[in-house]
């Protein structure tokens, strides 16, 4: 990009120095690419890598001063950006995270200027000295700076912060970023708040939870929970995240077991999904904009019927048609017919949800998840259309059954299908489970059919 007035008639000393640096770097690259490293023994190669890394680390000193100058000349205003990180991201084509890291480092380990124009030393002098020597990388500096930010406020003794700066600078010379994060947290946890900030209050102030949408359509979740909330969440998710060993007893008495293919992280994710599904179905969430909290997905009707393309939620998340079909069992759908210019011609509302009376009848009939061998109670189940709603399936008892979230989302991929036989949900196993693919009823439903009143 070009900025008006950016050209100068005469080269400045910094331009000459940069030319010399680029020339020296080109020379070094040429020597290395010509085989200059080939003659080194292992110790010599390690020494070269360490020395070059020290040089790379020291280059951050230029970033720090450049950030300071950019702030002083209000570069963000010149290029029409809201702040300096956004400016660096745009001008240098950096990620917002990398741009913010550079600004954060400059504020913490770069030289500062007081409002009176007086030169001030770095906020974290020990870290600044370690980086000036090339002993710590920008990533290590950021780990330490972000850790100390959490206690750099009212109620903490500045002497403790200085001690934390010195300790982390020493540790950063020895440990890599992964180990340094653990050590930095331990150092921060030991900073004495001098009695003005009790531990419980400190933890409360540290609490946060953030959801960040990724480019692939998923979400990154990061945060710190208070001990109380962490214990509650563990109590809720723990039982739901246990491995599920599927045990299916066929009509001929044979038992087939399928281990849970999910790792712990996937099981915890799915457990949270079950909790959210139950909360959404409860109808107790506060309204948003005058309408009940729900997931709204826009997709052309033809695409939904043909299982083609994707739908888009109100926050821009793309969902496959398979996912939308599953959501259709749990939410009202508002089909809109639009012109090519987006003008609404028709707006209709079609009921896909079972009524309260139908849901009570399903609980009375199925007693919980109807998949063979599953003992999930009805409170944790979703309503499933045996013949899908999008394919003309009706919302009535002869076409509905209860399924837990796990089976609702995974039965098809595992080769199972459901059919209503004598008005009961019967499951057809894949051929690898039963070559004859004989229908199987959940033992709970079978017992109820026979008047045994079994609760699984």
Protein backbone atom coordinates (compact mmCIF):
# COMPACT_ATOMS: atom_id res chain seq x y z
CA UNK A 1 0.00 0.00 0.00
CA UNK A 2 1.09 3.61 -0.48
CA UNK A 3 0.48 6.55 1.86
CA UNK A 4 0.44 10.08 0.56
CA UNK A 5 3.61 11.92 1.47
CA UNK A 6 5.48 8.70 2.09
CA UNK A 7 8.25 9.41 -0.45
CA UNK A 8 11.34 11.32 0.58
CA UNK A 9 13.91 13.02 -1.59
CA UNK A 10 16.99 11.82 0.32
CA UNK A 11 17.69 8.48 1.92
CA UNK A 12 17.61 8.51 5.70
CA UNK A 13 20.25 6.76 7.82
CA UNK A 14 17.71 4.09 8.73
CA UNK A 15 17.23 3.40 5.00
CA UNK A 16 20.97 2.93 4.51
CA UNK A 17 21.14 0.66 7.56
CA UNK A 18 18.25 -1.42 6.26
CA UNK A 19 19.94 -1.70 2.86
CA UNK A 20 23.10 -2.95 4.57
CA UNK A 21 21.07 -5.44 6.63
CA UNK A 22 19.26 -6.78 3.57
CA UNK A 23 22.55 -7.06 1.71
CA UNK A 24 24.16 -8.97 4.58
CA UNK A 25 21.12 -11.22 4.85
CA UNK A 26 21.23 -11.94 1.13
CA UNK A 27 24.92 -12.82 1.47
CA UNK A 28 24.19 -15.18 4.39
CA UNK A 29 21.36 -16.87 2.48
CA UNK A 30 23.65 -17.34 -0.49
CA UNK A 31 26.38 -18.92 1.61
CA UNK A 32 23.90 -21.27 3.36
CA UNK A 33 22.19 -22.30 0.14
CA UNK A 34 25.58 -22.93 -1.47
CA UNK A 35 26.29 -25.55 1.19
CA UNK A 36 27.88 -23.42 3.85
CA UNK A 37 26.36 -25.52 6.64
CA UNK A 38 27.38 -28.85 5.13
CA UNK A 39 30.89 -28.79 6.57
CA UNK A 40 29.81 -28.17 10.17
CA UNK A 41 29.83 -30.96 12.70
CA UNK A 42 26.77 -31.41 14.95
CA UNK A 43 28.07 -29.08 17.64
CA UNK A 44 28.89 -26.47 15.03
CA UNK A 45 25.42 -26.73 13.50
CA UNK A 46 23.77 -26.30 16.90
CA UNK A 47 25.97 -23.29 17.56
CA UNK A 48 25.01 -21.68 14.25
CA UNK A 49 21.30 -22.28 14.84
CA UNK A 50 21.48 -20.80 18.33
CA UNK A 51 23.40 -17.73 17.20
CA UNK A 52 21.03 -17.13 14.29
CA UNK A 53 18.03 -17.55 16.61
CA UNK A 54 19.50 -14.94 18.95
CA UNK A 55 19.71 -12.57 16.00
CA UNK A 56 16.13 -13.34 15.01
CA UNK A 57 14.97 -12.67 18.58
CA UNK A 58 16.74 -9.29 18.66
CA UNK A 59 14.86 -8.16 15.55
CA UNK A 60 11.85 -7.64 17.81
CA UNK A 61 13.63 -4.57 19.19
CA UNK A 62 12.97 -2.89 15.85
CA UNK A 63 9.29 -3.86 16.09
CA UNK A 64 9.05 -2.27 19.53
CA UNK A 65 10.44 1.08 18.40
CA UNK A 66 8.38 1.01 15.19
CA UNK A 67 5.20 0.48 17.23
CA UNK A 68 6.15 3.39 19.50
CA UNK A 69 6.71 5.70 16.53
CA UNK A 70 3.48 4.55 14.85
CA UNK A 71 1.57 5.45 18.00
CA UNK A 72 3.24 8.86 18.27
CA UNK A 73 2.32 9.84 14.70
CA UNK A 74 -1.20 8.35 15.00
CA UNK A 75 -0.68 6.04 12.07
CA UNK A 76 -4.02 4.32 12.69
CA UNK A 77 -5.89 7.57 11.99
CA UNK A 78 -3.89 8.13 8.82
CA UNK A 79 -4.82 4.78 7.29
CA UNK A 80 -8.39 4.85 8.62
CA UNK A 81 -8.10 1.96 11.08
CA UNK A 82 -9.64 1.83 14.58
CA UNK A 83 -6.41 1.03 16.42
CA UNK A 84 -2.76 0.13 15.97
CA UNK A 85 -3.18 -3.69 15.91
CA UNK A 86 -5.74 -3.33 13.13
CA UNK A 87 -3.33 -1.01 11.31
CA UNK A 88 -0.45 -3.50 11.48
CA UNK A 89 -2.73 -6.34 10.42
CA UNK A 90 -3.82 -4.40 7.34
CA UNK A 91 -0.52 -2.75 6.35
CA UNK A 92 1.66 -5.83 6.95
CA UNK A 93 -0.97 -8.50 6.13
CA UNK A 94 -0.66 -10.04 9.59
CA UNK A 95 -3.27 -11.93 11.55
CA UNK A 96 -5.02 -9.85 14.17
CA UNK A 97 -3.50 -12.10 16.84
CA UNK A 98 0.07 -11.53 15.62
CA UNK A 99 -0.50 -7.79 15.27
CA UNK A 100 -1.89 -7.59 18.81
CA UNK A 101 1.08 -9.60 20.11
CA UNK A 102 3.55 -7.12 18.64
CA UNK A 103 1.76 -4.14 20.15
CA UNK A 104 1.47 -5.91 23.50
CA UNK A 105 5.20 -6.70 23.48
CA UNK A 106 6.12 -3.14 22.59
CA UNK A 107 4.08 -1.81 25.51
CA UNK A 108 5.64 -4.26 27.97
CA UNK A 109 9.31 -4.59 26.96
CA UNK A 110 9.85 -1.59 24.69
CA UNK A 111 11.16 1.80 25.74
CA UNK A 112 8.40 4.20 26.85
CA UNK A 113 7.84 7.93 26.88
CA UNK A 114 5.94 9.79 29.60
CA UNK A 115 3.27 12.34 28.73
CA UNK A 116 5.84 15.03 29.62
CA UNK A 117 8.22 13.62 27.02
CA UNK A 118 10.50 12.01 29.59
CA UNK A 119 12.13 8.73 28.54
CA UNK A 120 11.00 5.79 30.65
CA UNK A 121 12.40 2.31 30.88
CA UNK A 122 10.45 -0.80 29.84
CA UNK A 123 7.51 -1.89 31.97
CA UNK A 124 9.13 -5.34 32.28
CA UNK A 125 12.85 -4.50 32.38
CA UNK A 126 14.14 -8.02 33.02
CA UNK A 127 12.25 -9.45 30.06
CA UNK A 128 13.35 -6.49 27.95
CA UNK A 129 17.01 -7.13 28.79
CA UNK A 130 16.67 -10.83 27.96
CA UNK A 131 15.17 -10.02 24.58
CA UNK A 132 17.79 -7.35 23.83
CA UNK A 133 20.41 -10.06 24.40
CA UNK A 134 18.49 -12.36 22.08
CA UNK A 135 18.01 -14.95 24.81
CA UNK A 136 14.20 -15.13 24.60
CA UNK A 137 11.88 -15.37 21.63
CA UNK A 138 8.84 -13.17 20.93
CA UNK A 139 6.62 -16.14 21.81
CA UNK A 140 8.28 -16.57 25.20
CA UNK A 141 7.99 -12.84 25.88
CA UNK A 142 4.29 -12.95 25.08
CA UNK A 143 3.73 -15.86 27.46
CA UNK A 144 5.33 -13.92 30.30
CA UNK A 145 3.71 -10.58 29.46
CA UNK A 146 0.21 -12.05 29.27
CA UNK A 147 0.70 -13.91 32.54
CA UNK A 148 1.78 -10.76 34.40
CA UNK A 149 -1.05 -8.71 32.88
CA UNK A 150 -3.50 -10.69 34.99
CA UNK A 151 -2.07 -9.28 38.24
CA UNK A 152 -0.90 -5.86 37.07
CA UNK A 153 -3.68 -3.82 38.63
CA UNK A 154 -4.81 -2.29 41.89
CA UNK A 155 -4.32 -4.46 44.95
CA UNK A 156 -1.00 -6.03 43.97
CA UNK A 157 2.38 -4.94 45.32
CA UNK A 158 4.58 -3.54 42.49
CA UNK A 159 7.56 -5.23 44.13
CA UNK A 160 5.89 -8.60 43.57
CA UNK A 161 5.38 -7.75 39.91
CA UNK A 162 9.05 -6.82 39.57
CA UNK A 163 10.01 -10.12 41.19
CA UNK A 164 7.71 -11.96 38.80
CA UNK A 165 9.35 -10.16 35.87
CA UNK A 166 12.82 -11.22 37.02
CA UNK A 167 11.81 -14.80 37.71
CA UNK A 168 10.07 -15.26 34.37
CA UNK A 169 12.98 -13.70 32.49
CA UNK A 170 15.31 -16.25 34.11
CA UNK A 171 12.98 -19.16 33.39
CA UNK A 172 12.43 -18.05 29.78
CA UNK A 173 16.14 -18.47 29.08
CA UNK A 174 15.90 -22.13 30.08
CA UNK A 175 12.40 -23.32 29.20
CA UNK A 176 10.41 -23.39 25.97
CA UNK A 177 6.95 -21.82 25.55
CA UNK A 178 5.00 -24.92 26.59
CA UNK A 179 6.80 -25.39 29.90
CA UNK A 180 7.02 -21.64 30.41
CA UNK A 181 3.22 -21.30 30.36
CA UNK A 182 2.95 -23.67 33.31
CA UNK A 183 5.75 -21.93 35.20
CA UNK A 184 4.31 -18.48 34.46
CA UNK A 185 0.97 -19.51 35.93
CA UNK A 186 2.71 -20.78 39.04
CA UNK A 187 4.63 -17.52 39.41
CA UNK A 188 1.45 -15.48 39.03
CA UNK A 189 -0.41 -17.66 41.52
CA UNK A 190 2.29 -16.97 44.10
CA UNK A 191 2.27 -13.20 43.75
CA UNK A 192 1.07 -11.91 47.12
CA UNK A 193 -1.92 -9.54 46.76
CA UNK A 194 -0.92 -8.07 50.15
CA UNK A 195 -4.29 -8.94 51.62
CA UNK A 196 -6.29 -6.51 49.47
CA UNK A 197 -7.50 -9.10 46.96
CA UNK A 198 -8.59 -12.40 48.57
CA UNK A 199 -8.02 -15.54 46.52
CA UNK A 200 -11.73 -16.04 45.95
CA UNK A 201 -12.16 -12.48 44.70
CA UNK A 202 -9.04 -12.81 42.53
CA UNK A 203 -10.39 -15.94 40.89
CA UNK A 204 -13.73 -14.24 40.36
CA UNK A 205 -12.00 -11.36 38.58
CA UNK A 206 -10.08 -13.78 36.39
CA UNK A 207 -13.18 -15.59 35.20
CA UNK A 208 -13.93 -15.37 31.49
CA UNK A 209 -15.33 -17.46 28.68
CA UNK A 210 -14.93 -16.69 24.99
CA UNK A 211 -16.28 -18.30 21.83
CA UNK A 212 -14.35 -17.56 18.65
CA UNK A 213 -15.67 -18.62 15.26
CA UNK A 214 -13.04 -20.26 13.03
CA UNK A 215 -12.77 -20.12 9.27
CA UNK A 216 -13.74 -23.81 8.93
CA UNK A 217 -17.12 -23.19 10.59
CA UNK A 218 -16.16 -24.58 14.00
CA UNK A 219 -15.75 -22.61 17.23
CA UNK A 220 -12.74 -22.27 19.50
CA UNK A 221 -13.58 -22.05 23.20
CA UNK A 222 -11.18 -20.62 25.75
CA UNK A 223 -11.51 -19.28 29.26
CA UNK A 224 -11.07 -19.73 32.99
CA UNK A 225 -13.92 -20.96 35.17
CA UNK A 226 -14.29 -20.34 38.87
CA UNK A 227 -13.87 -23.40 41.05
CA UNK A 228 -17.59 -23.42 41.74
CA UNK A 229 -18.61 -23.35 38.08
CA UNK A 230 -15.90 -25.84 37.15
CA UNK A 231 -17.23 -28.28 39.75
CA UNK A 232 -20.79 -27.81 38.49
CA UNK A 233 -19.78 -28.35 34.87
CA UNK A 234 -17.77 -31.44 35.77
CA UNK A 235 -20.74 -32.86 37.69
CA UNK A 236 -23.05 -32.27 34.73
CA UNK A 237 -20.76 -33.44 31.92
CA UNK A 238 -18.90 -36.23 33.73
CA UNK A 239 -21.67 -38.87 33.66
CA UNK A 240 -22.66 -37.94 30.10
CA UNK A 241 -19.05 -38.12 28.86
CA UNK A 242 -18.40 -41.69 30.00
CA UNK A 243 -17.55 -44.19 27.24
CA UNK A 244 -20.64 -45.89 25.84
CA UNK A 245 -20.31 -49.63 25.28
CA UNK A 246 -23.14 -50.59 22.95
CA UNK A 247 -24.51 -54.02 23.85
CA UNK A 248 -27.18 -55.32 21.48
CA UNK A 249 -28.97 -58.60 22.18
CA UNK A 250 -30.41 -60.08 19.01
CA UNK A 251 -33.55 -62.19 18.88
CA UNK A 252 -31.53 -65.40 18.66
CA UNK A 253 -29.79 -64.56 21.94
CA UNK A 254 -26.47 -63.50 20.45
CA UNK A 255 -24.84 -60.46 22.05
CA UNK A 256 -22.92 -57.92 20.01
CA UNK A 257 -20.82 -55.22 21.67
CA UNK A 258 -19.56 -52.07 19.97
CA UNK A 259 -16.92 -49.99 21.82
CA UNK A 260 -17.23 -46.23 21.92
CA UNK A 261 -15.03 -44.85 19.10
CA UNK A 262 -14.85 -41.36 20.61
CA UNK A 263 -11.87 -40.08 22.59
CA UNK A 264 -12.39 -38.19 25.86
CA UNK A 265 -12.43 -34.75 24.26
CA UNK A 266 -15.08 -35.81 21.75
CA UNK A 267 -17.20 -37.37 24.49
CA UNK A 268 -17.01 -34.17 26.56
CA UNK A 269 -18.00 -32.15 23.50
CA UNK A 270 -20.99 -34.40 22.84
CA UNK A 271 -21.98 -34.27 26.51
CA UNK A 272 -22.10 -30.48 26.35
CA UNK A 273 -24.23 -30.81 23.23
CA UNK A 274 -26.69 -33.02 25.11
CA UNK A 275 -26.96 -30.44 27.90
CA UNK A 276 -27.60 -27.64 25.41
CA UNK A 277 -30.21 -29.72 23.56
CA UNK A 278 -32.07 -30.40 26.77
CA UNK A 279 -31.98 -26.74 27.77
CA UNK A 280 -33.25 -25.65 24.36
CA UNK A 281 -36.08 -28.19 24.52
CA UNK A 282 -37.05 -27.07 28.02
CA UNK A 283 -38.41 -23.75 26.77
CA UNK A 284 -36.96 -21.96 29.81
CA UNK A 285 -34.38 -19.82 27.98
CA UNK A 286 -35.03 -16.05 27.93
CA UNK A 287 -36.43 -14.55 24.77
CA UNK A 288 -34.11 -12.83 22.32
CA UNK A 289 -35.52 -9.90 20.40
CA UNK A 290 -39.04 -10.88 21.39
CA UNK A 291 -38.78 -14.47 20.09
CA UNK A 292 -37.85 -17.62 22.01
CA UNK A 293 -34.18 -18.58 21.87
CA UNK A 294 -33.68 -20.94 18.94
CA UNK A 295 -31.39 -21.81 16.05
CA UNK A 296 -32.50 -20.19 12.81
CA UNK A 297 -31.17 -21.67 9.57
CA UNK A 298 -31.75 -20.32 6.08
CA UNK A 299 -31.66 -22.79 3.18
CA UNK A 300 -33.55 -23.03 -0.13
CA UNK A 301 -36.28 -25.67 0.04
CA UNK A 302 -34.96 -27.46 -3.06
CA UNK A 303 -31.51 -27.81 -1.50
CA UNK A 304 -33.01 -29.26 1.67
CA UNK A 305 -35.05 -31.80 -0.27
CA UNK A 306 -32.08 -32.82 -2.41
CA UNK A 307 -29.62 -32.88 0.52
CA UNK A 308 -27.41 -30.49 -1.41
CA UNK A 309 -25.23 -27.56 -0.41
CA UNK A 310 -25.37 -25.86 2.97
CA UNK A 311 -27.61 -23.78 5.18
CA UNK A 312 -26.53 -20.65 7.03
CA UNK A 313 -27.44 -19.70 10.61
CA UNK A 314 -28.18 -16.17 11.71
CA UNK A 315 -24.56 -15.71 12.85
CA UNK A 316 -23.13 -16.94 9.54
CA UNK A 317 -22.25 -20.51 10.55
CA UNK A 318 -22.61 -23.00 7.69
CA UNK A 319 -24.40 -26.27 8.47
CA UNK A 320 -24.72 -29.29 6.23
CA UNK A 321 -28.17 -30.40 5.16
CA UNK A 322 -27.73 -33.57 7.22
CA UNK A 323 -27.29 -31.44 10.33
CA UNK A 324 -30.25 -29.26 9.40
CA UNK A 325 -32.46 -32.33 9.00
CA UNK A 326 -31.54 -33.39 12.55
CA UNK A 327 -32.27 -29.89 13.84
CA UNK A 328 -35.65 -30.02 12.12
CA UNK A 329 -36.77 -32.66 14.59
CA UNK A 330 -36.14 -30.23 17.46
CA UNK A 331 -37.18 -26.80 16.18
CA UNK A 332 -39.88 -24.87 14.36
CA UNK A 333 -39.04 -24.03 10.74
CA UNK A 334 -40.06 -20.81 9.04
CA UNK A 335 -39.83 -21.33 5.24
CA UNK A 336 -39.48 -18.08 3.26
CA UNK A 337 -39.89 -17.73 -0.50
CA UNK A 338 -37.68 -14.94 -1.83
CA UNK A 339 -37.29 -13.25 -5.19
CA UNK A 340 -33.85 -13.06 -6.75
CA UNK A 341 -33.44 -9.64 -5.18
CA UNK A 342 -34.30 -10.97 -1.73
CA UNK A 343 -37.84 -9.64 -1.45
CA UNK A 344 -40.09 -11.89 0.64
CA UNK A 345 -43.02 -13.19 -1.41
CA UNK A 346 -44.31 -15.72 1.11
CA UNK A 347 -43.60 -16.44 4.73
CA UNK A 348 -45.06 -19.54 6.23
CA UNK A 349 -44.69 -21.56 9.42
CA UNK A 350 -44.72 -25.32 9.43
CA UNK A 351 -44.84 -27.30 12.66
CA UNK A 352 -42.17 -29.97 12.87
CA UNK A 353 -42.17 -30.35 16.65
CA UNK A 354 -44.26 -32.89 18.43
CA UNK A 355 -46.88 -31.36 20.69
CA UNK A 356 -46.63 -31.69 24.46
CA UNK A 357 -49.31 -34.36 24.34
CA UNK A 358 -47.44 -36.32 21.69
CA UNK A 359 -44.23 -36.05 23.70
CA UNK A 360 -45.95 -37.42 26.80
CA UNK A 361 -47.31 -40.29 24.70
CA UNK A 362 -43.80 -41.01 23.35
CA UNK A 363 -42.43 -41.12 26.90
CA UNK A 364 -45.20 -43.50 27.92
CA UNK A 365 -44.48 -45.75 24.93
CA UNK A 366 -40.67 -45.62 24.64
CA UNK A 367 -39.65 -44.72 28.20
CA UNK A 368 -36.39 -43.25 26.92
CA UNK A 369 -34.03 -43.77 23.99
CA UNK A 370 -35.48 -46.49 21.77
CA UNK A 371 -32.14 -47.65 20.33
CA UNK A 372 -31.36 -51.23 21.40
CA UNK A 373 -29.26 -51.40 24.55
CA UNK A 374 -29.51 -47.67 25.39
CA UNK A 375 -30.73 -46.65 28.85
CA UNK A 376 -30.86 -42.86 28.43
CA UNK A 377 -34.02 -41.54 30.19
CA UNK A 378 -36.62 -39.48 28.29
CA UNK A 379 -35.39 -36.22 29.84
CA UNK A 380 -32.20 -36.56 27.78
CA UNK A 381 -33.88 -37.62 24.55
CA UNK A 382 -34.81 -35.88 21.32
CA UNK A 383 -37.79 -36.60 19.10
CA UNK A 384 -36.85 -38.36 15.89
CA UNK A 385 -38.93 -38.62 12.71
CA UNK A 386 -38.62 -42.22 11.45
CA UNK A 387 -39.47 -40.99 7.97
CA UNK A 388 -37.76 -37.63 7.85
CA UNK A 389 -39.90 -34.53 7.94
CA UNK A 390 -38.11 -33.14 4.87
CA UNK A 391 -39.06 -36.31 2.97
CA UNK A 392 -42.76 -36.04 3.80
CA UNK A 393 -42.74 -37.77 7.20
CA UNK A 394 -45.61 -36.67 9.41
CA UNK A 395 -45.31 -35.43 12.98
CA UNK A 396 -47.47 -38.09 14.62
CA UNK A 397 -46.93 -40.99 16.98
CA UNK A 398 -46.76 -43.50 14.13
CA UNK A 399 -43.67 -41.71 12.78
CA UNK A 400 -41.90 -40.57 15.97
CA UNK A 401 -39.58 -42.11 18.52
CA UNK A 402 -37.28 -40.92 21.29
CA UNK A 403 -33.51 -41.00 20.76
CA UNK A 404 -30.65 -39.77 22.91
CA UNK A 405 -28.39 -37.22 21.24
CA UNK A 406 -25.63 -39.78 20.64
CA UNK A 407 -27.82 -42.23 18.78
CA UNK A 408 -29.79 -39.50 17.04
CA UNK A 409 -26.59 -38.19 15.49
CA UNK A 410 -24.77 -41.48 14.90
CA UNK A 411 -27.15 -44.35 14.17
CA UNK A 412 -27.18 -43.79 10.40
CA UNK A 413 -23.40 -43.61 10.13
CA UNK A 414 -23.17 -46.91 12.00
CA UNK A 415 -25.46 -48.64 9.53
CA UNK A 416 -28.69 -48.84 11.56
CA UNK A 417 -32.15 -47.89 10.32
CA UNK A 418 -35.50 -47.58 12.10
CA UNK A 419 -38.92 -48.83 11.01
CA UNK A 420 -42.23 -48.71 12.79
CA UNK A 421 -43.52 -52.27 13.25
CA UNK A 422 -46.89 -52.65 15.00
CA UNK A 423 -46.55 -48.98 15.97
CA UNK A 424 -43.29 -49.63 17.84
CA UNK A 425 -39.81 -48.40 16.81
CA UNK A 426 -37.88 -51.43 15.59
CA UNK A 427 -34.22 -51.11 14.66
CA UNK A 428 -32.64 -52.91 11.71
CA UNK A 429 -28.97 -53.71 12.36
CA UNK A 430 -26.29 -53.60 9.66
CA UNK A 431 -25.33 -56.93 8.07
CA UNK A 432 -22.06 -57.11 9.98
CA UNK A 433 -24.12 -57.25 13.20
CA UNK A 434 -26.82 -59.58 11.90
CA UNK A 435 -26.55 -61.08 8.43
CA UNK A 436 -30.33 -61.56 8.33
CA UNK A 437 -30.92 -57.99 9.58
CA UNK A 438 -33.76 -58.99 11.88
CA UNK A 439 -35.54 -56.07 13.62
CA UNK A 440 -34.56 -55.43 17.24
CA UNK A 441 -36.59 -53.67 19.94
CA UNK A 442 -35.08 -51.93 22.93
CA UNK A 443 -35.44 -54.30 25.90
CA UNK A 444 -37.33 -51.63 27.83
CA UNK A 445 -39.93 -51.28 25.06
CA UNK A 446 -40.14 -55.04 24.66
CA UNK A 447 -40.75 -55.47 28.39
CA UNK A 448 -43.45 -52.81 28.37
CA UNK A 449 -45.08 -54.55 25.43
CA UNK A 450 -45.19 -57.72 27.47
CA UNK A 451 -46.41 -55.95 30.59
CA UNK A 452 -43.20 -56.41 32.59
CA UNK A 453 -42.64 -52.71 33.32
CA UNK A 454 -38.86 -52.98 32.95
CA UNK A 455 -36.81 -49.81 33.47
CA UNK A 456 -33.41 -49.89 31.77
